[in-house]
Amino acid sequence: MNDLRRGLMKENGWTLEQVDDQDYYELNDLFSDHNPENMESLNNVLKRI
């Protein structure tokens, strides 16, 4: 399990099944375009892990 999935589970109280049901690849694309606003959001999630 990678950090983004772990962060979503912790941040939203999701189960692994809910994370799998979410469009995970769409989230990954959102954070991989190097948009500073998106990267800041990702960093905030990762800091809480």
Protein backbone atom coordinates (compact mmCIF):
# COMPACT_ATOMS: atom_id res chain seq x y z
CA MET A 1 0.00 0.00 0.00
CA ASN A 2 1.42 3.36 -0.94
CA ASP A 3 1.40 6.62 1.00
CA LEU A 4 -1.49 8.18 -0.92
CA ARG A 5 -3.77 5.25 -0.15
CA ARG A 6 -2.65 5.17 3.48
CA GLY A 7 -3.28 8.92 3.71
CA LEU A 8 -6.78 8.59 2.28
CA MET A 9 -7.59 5.85 4.73
CA LYS A 10 -6.34 7.85 7.70
CA GLU A 11 -7.68 11.22 6.55
CA ASN A 12 -11.17 10.01 5.65
CA GLY A 13 -11.49 7.00 7.91
CA TRP A 14 -11.88 4.85 4.82
CA THR A 15 -11.46 1.10 4.78
CA LEU A 16 -9.10 -0.51 2.28
CA GLU A 17 -12.16 -1.60 0.27
CA GLN A 18 -13.41 2.02 0.03
CA VAL A 19 -9.99 3.18 -1.16
CA ASP A 20 -10.00 0.41 -3.77
CA ASP A 21 -13.51 1.42 -4.86
CA GLN A 22 -12.42 5.06 -5.25
CA ASP A 23 -10.96 5.91 -8.65
CA TYR A 24 -7.43 5.62 -7.35
CA TYR A 25 -5.75 6.26 -10.67
CA GLU A 26 -7.65 9.53 -11.08
CA LEU A 27 -6.33 10.66 -7.70
CA ASN A 28 -2.83 9.62 -8.67
CA ASP A 29 -3.09 11.69 -11.87
CA LEU A 30 -4.30 14.69 -9.88
CA PHE A 31 -1.19 14.64 -7.74
CA SER A 32 1.25 13.78 -10.50
CA ASP A 33 0.74 16.86 -12.68
CA HIS A 34 3.02 18.95 -10.43
CA ASN A 35 0.38 21.58 -9.84
CA PRO A 36 1.69 23.37 -6.70
CA GLU A 37 -1.78 23.50 -5.17
CA ASN A 38 -2.27 19.75 -5.68
CA MET A 39 1.22 18.97 -4.42
CA GLU A 40 0.54 21.02 -1.30
CA SER A 41 -2.61 18.98 -0.66
CA LEU A 42 -0.69 15.74 -1.13
CA ASN A 43 2.07 16.92 1.20
CA ASN A 44 -0.51 17.78 3.86
CA VAL A 45 -1.94 14.27 3.65
CA LEU A 46 1.51 12.67 3.77
CA LYS A 47 2.53 14.72 6.83
CA ARG A 48 -0.35 13.21 8.79
CA ILE A 49 0.66 9.61 8.13
